[in-house]
Structures are given as C-alpha cells and as structure tokens.
Amino acid sequence: MKLWLALGTILLSAAAASQTPPSADAPNERRICKSSPDIGSRLARTRRCLTEAEWAAHKQESRRLVREGQARQQNIFVDSCVSRPCGRNN
C-alpha cells in the first residue's frame, strides 16, 4: 500500500514538473471552442476552436461587416428618396 502511495506521489510530482510555465503570450495561444446553431436545423451545431486573438479578429471583422451593411442600407434608402419625397404615401 505504501509502495502505491509513494509511486503515485512520484508520478504526480513528475507530471507537475514537466508542465511548462505560462509565457507572456500564452493567453493568446489558448484555444477557445464555441458552438453555434446551424441555420435550418434545431439540433445540429457547428463547433469552432480558435485562439483568443483569432476570436478577437473574427469579432472585429463581423462588426466591420455589420457597419458596412448598415451604411449600404442607409444609402439605398437615401437614393430611393431622390426620385420622390420620403415618408409620404403617394
């Protein structure tokens, strides 16, 4: 019994010693997995695993696309008001 306890202690301490300490850029290298529902299905989900930096870039790109889409919609609305006054039912 004592032999197993000693062996377990040695193995745990060896495993702890083999782990490398986190470096300064380690948080950006940690992978984060997120799942999102598939369109058209109530059960299917897609799982994506990216680093923190990749998720930040993905979020920034998504926001940029939304801003561009909203600006494009505003331009379409303004252009449609050129031929006739907007807000009136003619």
C-alpha atoms as a PDB file:
ATOM      1  CA  MET A   1       0.000   0.000   0.000  1.00  0.00           C
ATOM      2  CA  LYS A   2       2.777   2.417   0.906  1.00  0.00           C
ATOM      3  CA  LEU A   3       4.535   1.485  -2.304  1.00  0.00           C
ATOM      4  CA  TRP A   4       1.495   2.548  -4.385  1.00  0.00           C
ATOM      5  CA  LEU A   5       1.201   5.781  -2.442  1.00  0.00           C
ATOM      6  CA  ALA A   6       4.879   6.578  -2.986  1.00  0.00           C
ATOM      7  CA  LEU A   7       4.654   5.675  -6.663  1.00  0.00           C
ATOM      8  CA  GLY A   8       1.580   7.872  -7.126  1.00  0.00           C
ATOM      9  CA  THR A   9       3.309  10.784  -5.402  1.00  0.00           C
ATOM     10  CA  ILE A  10       6.367  10.418  -7.647  1.00  0.00           C
ATOM     11  CA  LEU A  11       4.234  10.274 -10.798  1.00  0.00           C
ATOM     12  CA  LEU A  12       2.200  13.328  -9.801  1.00  0.00           C
ATOM     13  CA  SER A  13       5.286  15.357  -8.961  1.00  0.00           C
ATOM     14  CA  ALA A  14       6.915  14.352 -12.268  1.00  0.00           C
ATOM     15  CA  ALA A  15       3.815  15.384 -14.186  1.00  0.00           C
ATOM     16  CA  ALA A  16       3.711  18.735 -12.401  1.00  0.00           C
ATOM     17  CA  ALA A  17       7.410  19.352 -13.076  1.00  0.00           C
ATOM     18  CA  SER A  18       7.052  18.555 -16.786  1.00  0.00           C
ATOM     19  CA  GLN A  19       4.476  21.295 -17.312  1.00  0.00           C
ATOM     20  CA  THR A  20       5.997  24.422 -18.793  1.00  0.00           C
ATOM     21  CA  PRO A  21       5.285  27.710 -17.060  1.00  0.00           C
ATOM     22  CA  PRO A  22       2.989  30.059 -18.982  1.00  0.00           C
ATOM     23  CA  SER A  23       4.800  32.630 -21.074  1.00  0.00           C
ATOM     24  CA  ALA A  24       3.776  36.251 -21.630  1.00  0.00           C
ATOM     25  CA  ASP A  25       1.879  35.472 -24.863  1.00  0.00           C
ATOM     26  CA  ALA A  26       0.248  32.280 -23.560  1.00  0.00           C
ATOM     27  CA  PRO A  27      -3.277  33.754 -23.156  1.00  0.00           C
ATOM     28  CA  ASN A  28      -3.462  34.455 -26.894  1.00  0.00           C
ATOM     29  CA  GLU A  29      -2.404  30.890 -27.677  1.00  0.00           C
ATOM     30  CA  ARG A  30      -5.104  29.267 -25.557  1.00  0.00           C
ATOM     31  CA  ARG A  31      -7.778  27.698 -27.755  1.00  0.00           C
ATOM     32  CA  ILE A  32     -11.398  28.522 -27.070  1.00  0.00           C
ATOM     33  CA  CYS A  33     -14.126  26.370 -28.569  1.00  0.00           C
ATOM     34  CA  LYS A  34     -17.597  27.761 -29.224  1.00  0.00           C
ATOM     35  CA  SER A  35     -20.573  26.085 -30.799  1.00  0.00           C
ATOM     36  CA  SER A  36     -23.243  27.822 -32.812  1.00  0.00           C
ATOM     37  CA  PRO A  37     -26.540  26.507 -34.173  1.00  0.00           C
ATOM     38  CA  ASP A  38     -26.707  25.559 -37.829  1.00  0.00           C
ATOM     39  CA  ILE A  39     -29.259  27.537 -39.793  1.00  0.00           C
ATOM     40  CA  GLY A  40     -32.211  25.409 -40.787  1.00  0.00           C
ATOM     41  CA  SER A  41     -31.781  22.838 -38.043  1.00  0.00           C
ATOM     42  CA  ARG A  42     -32.969  22.819 -34.461  1.00  0.00           C
ATOM     43  CA  LEU A  43     -30.438  20.247 -33.286  1.00  0.00           C
ATOM     44  CA  ALA A  44     -27.297  20.495 -35.415  1.00  0.00           C
ATOM     45  CA  ARG A  45     -24.493  22.698 -34.136  1.00  0.00           C
ATOM     46  CA  THR A  46     -21.108  23.694 -35.536  1.00  0.00           C
ATOM     47  CA  ARG A  47     -18.103  23.835 -33.228  1.00  0.00           C
ATOM     48  CA  ARG A  48     -15.212  26.224 -33.932  1.00  0.00           C
ATOM     49  CA  CYS A  49     -11.966  26.282 -31.981  1.00  0.00           C
ATOM     50  CA  LEU A  50      -9.807  29.403 -32.321  1.00  0.00           C
ATOM     51  CA  THR A  51      -7.244  31.223 -30.230  1.00  0.00           C
ATOM     52  CA  GLU A  52      -8.211  34.344 -28.296  1.00  0.00           C
ATOM     53  CA  ALA A  53      -6.502  36.508 -30.914  1.00  0.00           C
ATOM     54  CA  GLU A  54      -8.380  34.774 -33.738  1.00  0.00           C
ATOM     55  CA  TRP A  55     -11.721  35.220 -31.922  1.00  0.00           C
ATOM     56  CA  ALA A  56     -10.929  38.924 -31.435  1.00  0.00           C
ATOM     57  CA  ALA A  57     -10.128  39.298 -35.150  1.00  0.00           C
ATOM     58  CA  HIS A  58     -13.327  37.415 -36.052  1.00  0.00           C
ATOM     59  CA  LYS A  59     -15.384  39.704 -33.799  1.00  0.00           C
ATOM     60  CA  GLN A  60     -13.780  42.814 -35.290  1.00  0.00           C
ATOM     61  CA  GLU A  61     -14.419  41.588 -38.847  1.00  0.00           C
ATOM     62  CA  SER A  62     -18.060  40.795 -38.011  1.00  0.00           C
ATOM     63  CA  ARG A  63     -18.578  44.281 -36.617  1.00  0.00           C
ATOM     64  CA  ARG A  64     -16.988  45.820 -39.717  1.00  0.00           C
ATOM     65  CA  LEU A  65     -19.319  43.840 -41.996  1.00  0.00           C
ATOM     66  CA  VAL A  66     -22.374  44.911 -39.989  1.00  0.00           C
ATOM     67  CA  ARG A  67     -21.332  48.573 -40.154  1.00  0.00           C
ATOM     68  CA  GLU A  68     -20.811  48.327 -43.932  1.00  0.00           C
ATOM     69  CA  GLY A  69     -24.195  46.632 -44.380  1.00  0.00           C
ATOM     70  CA  GLN A  70     -25.951  49.263 -42.318  1.00  0.00           C
ATOM     71  CA  ALA A  71     -24.248  52.061 -44.257  1.00  0.00           C
ATOM     72  CA  ARG A  72     -25.251  50.418 -47.539  1.00  0.00           C
ATOM     73  CA  GLN A  73     -28.877  50.175 -46.348  1.00  0.00           C
ATOM     74  CA  GLN A  74     -28.868  53.862 -45.438  1.00  0.00           C
ATOM     75  CA  ASN A  75     -27.503  54.747 -48.883  1.00  0.00           C
ATOM     76  CA  ILE A  76     -30.224  52.694 -50.575  1.00  0.00           C
ATOM     77  CA  PHE A  77     -32.883  54.470 -48.518  1.00  0.00           C
ATOM     78  CA  VAL A  78     -31.435  57.896 -49.328  1.00  0.00           C
ATOM     79  CA  ASP A  79     -31.166  57.061 -53.038  1.00  0.00           C
ATOM     80  CA  SER A  80     -34.803  55.920 -53.161  1.00  0.00           C
ATOM     81  CA  CYS A  81     -35.879  59.300 -51.721  1.00  0.00           C
ATOM     82  CA  VAL A  82     -34.255  61.234 -54.572  1.00  0.00           C
ATOM     83  CA  SER A  83     -36.993  60.496 -57.108  1.00  0.00           C
ATOM     84  CA  ARG A  84     -39.876  61.203 -54.696  1.00  0.00           C
ATOM     85  CA  PRO A  85     -40.220  62.638 -51.205  1.00  0.00           C
ATOM     86  CA  CYS A  86     -39.671  60.079 -48.474  1.00  0.00           C
ATOM     87  CA  GLY A  87     -42.182  59.455 -45.770  1.00  0.00           C
ATOM     88  CA  ARG A  88     -45.201  60.256 -47.925  1.00  0.00           C
ATOM     89  CA  ASN A  89     -47.580  57.733 -49.377  1.00  0.00           C
ATOM     90  CA  ASN A  90     -48.106  58.860 -52.979  1.00  0.00           C
END
